[in-house]
Amino acid sequence: MDKLKEQLKKNKVSIIILIVLIIVFWWFKSSGTKVEPLITALQNDPSKQVLGGELLVELQRLKSLSQLNVNFFDENQTFNSLKDISVAVSPRPIGRDNPFVQ
C-alpha cells in the first residue's frame, strides 16, 4: 500500500492530465454537435456525380493529343539525319546461383 501511495505522489501530474483528457473527451462526445463525415457517398443522381468529371476532361485532352501529325518526322531532313549510336550489349555469363533460393 505504501508503494502505491508513493507512485501516486510521483505521478500526480500525469494522473491529472489523464483525468482532464478524459473529461474533455466526454464533454465533446456528449455535446450533441454532429460531425460530418469526411467522405460522403454519392447518390444515384447523375447530376451529383462530379467525382470523375475532371479526370474525364483530362482523358479527352490526352486522346486529342494522340492524333498528332507524324508526317513531320518523314519530311524533316534534320530528324532524318540523326544516327543511331547505341552500343550493343554483349551477353555475359550468369553469375553464381542465389544461395537463398530454396
C-alpha atoms as a PDB file:
ATOM      1  CA  MET A   1       0.000   0.000   0.000  1.00  0.00           C
ATOM      2  CA  ASP A   2       2.889   2.346   0.747  1.00  0.00           C
ATOM      3  CA  LYS A   3       4.389   1.716  -2.708  1.00  0.00           C
ATOM      4  CA  LEU A   4       1.100   2.635  -4.343  1.00  0.00           C
ATOM      5  CA  LYS A   5       0.918   5.922  -2.420  1.00  0.00           C
ATOM      6  CA  GLU A   6       4.494   6.754  -3.383  1.00  0.00           C
ATOM      7  CA  GLN A   7       3.806   6.081  -7.044  1.00  0.00           C
ATOM      8  CA  LEU A   8       0.667   8.233  -6.926  1.00  0.00           C
ATOM      9  CA  LYS A   9       2.648  11.107  -5.421  1.00  0.00           C
ATOM     10  CA  LYS A  10       5.343  10.787  -8.108  1.00  0.00           C
ATOM     11  CA  ASN A  11       2.865  10.558 -10.994  1.00  0.00           C
ATOM     12  CA  LYS A  12       0.423  13.190  -9.757  1.00  0.00           C
ATOM     13  CA  VAL A  13       0.850  15.422 -12.831  1.00  0.00           C
ATOM     14  CA  SER A  14       0.363  12.522 -15.260  1.00  0.00           C
ATOM     15  CA  ILE A  15      -2.795  11.421 -13.466  1.00  0.00           C
ATOM     16  CA  ILE A  16      -4.225  14.948 -13.506  1.00  0.00           C
ATOM     17  CA  ILE A  17      -3.524  15.293 -17.240  1.00  0.00           C
ATOM     18  CA  LEU A  18      -5.168  11.929 -17.900  1.00  0.00           C
ATOM     19  CA  ILE A  19      -8.271  12.903 -15.930  1.00  0.00           C
ATOM     20  CA  VAL A  20      -8.526  16.242 -17.761  1.00  0.00           C
ATOM     21  CA  LEU A  21      -8.238  14.498 -21.124  1.00  0.00           C
ATOM     22  CA  ILE A  22     -10.978  12.032 -20.195  1.00  0.00           C
ATOM     23  CA  ILE A  23     -13.275  14.870 -19.101  1.00  0.00           C
ATOM     24  CA  VAL A  24     -12.618  16.865 -22.274  1.00  0.00           C
ATOM     25  CA  PHE A  25     -13.272  13.804 -24.442  1.00  0.00           C
ATOM     26  CA  TRP A  26     -16.514  13.047 -22.597  1.00  0.00           C
ATOM     27  CA  TRP A  27     -17.614  16.691 -22.905  1.00  0.00           C
ATOM     28  CA  PHE A  28     -17.057  16.774 -26.680  1.00  0.00           C
ATOM     29  CA  LYS A  29     -18.674  13.375 -27.135  1.00  0.00           C
ATOM     30  CA  SER A  30     -21.841  14.370 -25.288  1.00  0.00           C
ATOM     31  CA  SER A  31     -22.120  17.930 -26.663  1.00  0.00           C
ATOM     32  CA  GLY A  32     -24.630  16.816 -29.303  1.00  0.00           C
ATOM     33  CA  THR A  33     -22.918  18.500 -32.241  1.00  0.00           C
ATOM     34  CA  LYS A  34     -22.767  16.225 -35.217  1.00  0.00           C
ATOM     35  CA  VAL A  35     -19.507  15.952 -37.081  1.00  0.00           C
ATOM     36  CA  GLU A  36     -19.956  15.476 -40.813  1.00  0.00           C
ATOM     37  CA  PRO A  37     -18.057  12.557 -42.297  1.00  0.00           C
ATOM     38  CA  LEU A  38     -15.008  13.386 -44.389  1.00  0.00           C
ATOM     39  CA  ILE A  39     -16.162  11.195 -47.267  1.00  0.00           C
ATOM     40  CA  THR A  40     -19.780  11.064 -48.302  1.00  0.00           C
ATOM     41  CA  ALA A  41     -21.401   8.533 -50.566  1.00  0.00           C
ATOM     42  CA  LEU A  42     -22.697   9.801 -53.866  1.00  0.00           C
ATOM     43  CA  GLN A  43     -26.334   9.380 -54.660  1.00  0.00           C
ATOM     44  CA  ASN A  44     -27.537   7.738 -57.854  1.00  0.00           C
ATOM     45  CA  ASP A  45     -28.429  11.155 -59.252  1.00  0.00           C
ATOM     46  CA  PRO A  46     -26.123  11.689 -62.288  1.00  0.00           C
ATOM     47  CA  SER A  47     -26.114  15.451 -61.812  1.00  0.00           C
ATOM     48  CA  LYS A  48     -24.387  14.993 -58.457  1.00  0.00           C
ATOM     49  CA  GLN A  49     -21.716  12.596 -59.704  1.00  0.00           C
ATOM     50  CA  VAL A  50     -18.957  15.092 -60.415  1.00  0.00           C
ATOM     51  CA  LEU A  51     -16.285  12.948 -58.842  1.00  0.00           C
ATOM     52  CA  GLY A  52     -14.626  11.823 -62.082  1.00  0.00           C
ATOM     53  CA  GLY A  53     -15.553  14.847 -64.175  1.00  0.00           C
ATOM     54  CA  GLU A  54     -12.098  16.434 -64.134  1.00  0.00           C
ATOM     55  CA  LEU A  55     -10.490  13.108 -64.912  1.00  0.00           C
ATOM     56  CA  LEU A  56     -12.730  12.621 -67.939  1.00  0.00           C
ATOM     57  CA  VAL A  57     -11.859  16.091 -69.253  1.00  0.00           C
ATOM     58  CA  GLU A  58      -8.137  15.349 -68.982  1.00  0.00           C
ATOM     59  CA  LEU A  59      -8.650  11.977 -70.660  1.00  0.00           C
ATOM     60  CA  GLN A  60     -10.318  13.695 -73.613  1.00  0.00           C
ATOM     61  CA  ARG A  61      -7.365  16.085 -73.883  1.00  0.00           C
ATOM     62  CA  LEU A  62      -4.941  13.151 -73.947  1.00  0.00           C
ATOM     63  CA  LYS A  63      -6.968  11.417 -76.650  1.00  0.00           C
ATOM     64  CA  SER A  64      -6.804  14.529 -78.795  1.00  0.00           C
ATOM     65  CA  LEU A  65      -3.012  14.568 -78.403  1.00  0.00           C
ATOM     66  CA  SER A  66      -2.767  11.052 -79.820  1.00  0.00           C
ATOM     67  CA  GLN A  67      -3.946  12.419 -83.181  1.00  0.00           C
ATOM     68  CA  LEU A  68      -0.695  14.300 -83.867  1.00  0.00           C
ATOM     69  CA  ASN A  69       0.604  14.714 -87.391  1.00  0.00           C
ATOM     70  CA  VAL A  70       3.626  12.388 -87.649  1.00  0.00           C
ATOM     71  CA  ASN A  71       4.449  13.413 -91.227  1.00  0.00           C
ATOM     72  CA  PHE A  72       6.792  15.979 -89.718  1.00  0.00           C
ATOM     73  CA  PHE A  73       9.295  13.224 -88.922  1.00  0.00           C
ATOM     74  CA  ASP A  74       9.301  11.951 -92.510  1.00  0.00           C
ATOM     75  CA  GLU A  75       9.703  15.401 -94.077  1.00  0.00           C
ATOM     76  CA  ASN A  76      12.262  16.913 -91.710  1.00  0.00           C
ATOM     77  CA  GLN A  77      15.812  16.391 -93.013  1.00  0.00           C
ATOM     78  CA  THR A  78      17.386  17.228 -89.656  1.00  0.00           C
ATOM     79  CA  PHE A  79      15.435  14.474 -87.986  1.00  0.00           C
ATOM     80  CA  ASN A  80      16.278  12.024 -90.753  1.00  0.00           C
ATOM     81  CA  SER A  81      19.999  12.857 -90.477  1.00  0.00           C
ATOM     82  CA  LEU A  82      20.149  11.589 -86.900  1.00  0.00           C
ATOM     83  CA  LYS A  83      22.217   8.430 -86.494  1.00  0.00           C
ATOM     84  CA  ASP A  84      21.708   5.589 -84.053  1.00  0.00           C
ATOM     85  CA  ILE A  85      24.814   5.407 -81.843  1.00  0.00           C
ATOM     86  CA  SER A  86      23.551   2.833 -79.384  1.00  0.00           C
ATOM     87  CA  VAL A  87      26.031   0.168 -78.281  1.00  0.00           C
ATOM     88  CA  ALA A  88      25.001  -3.457 -78.375  1.00  0.00           C
ATOM     89  CA  VAL A  89      25.423  -5.171 -75.031  1.00  0.00           C
ATOM     90  CA  SER A  90      27.202  -8.487 -75.395  1.00  0.00           C
ATOM     91  CA  PRO A  91      25.789 -11.415 -73.453  1.00  0.00           C
ATOM     92  CA  ARG A  92      27.730 -12.221 -70.305  1.00  0.00           C
ATOM     93  CA  PRO A  93      27.805 -15.412 -68.294  1.00  0.00           C
ATOM     94  CA  ILE A  94      25.309 -15.591 -65.473  1.00  0.00           C
ATOM     95  CA  GLY A  95      26.776 -15.153 -62.010  1.00  0.00           C
ATOM     96  CA  ARG A  96      26.579 -17.681 -59.220  1.00  0.00           C
ATOM     97  CA  ASP A  97      23.314 -19.199 -58.070  1.00  0.00           C
ATOM     98  CA  ASN A  98      21.283 -17.423 -55.404  1.00  0.00           C
ATOM     99  CA  PRO A  99      22.127 -19.127 -52.083  1.00  0.00           C
ATOM    100  CA  PHE A 100      18.784 -18.081 -50.573  1.00  0.00           C
ATOM    101  CA  VAL A 101      16.577 -19.800 -53.148  1.00  0.00           C
ATOM    102  CA  GLN A 102      15.009 -22.924 -51.759  1.00  0.00           C
END
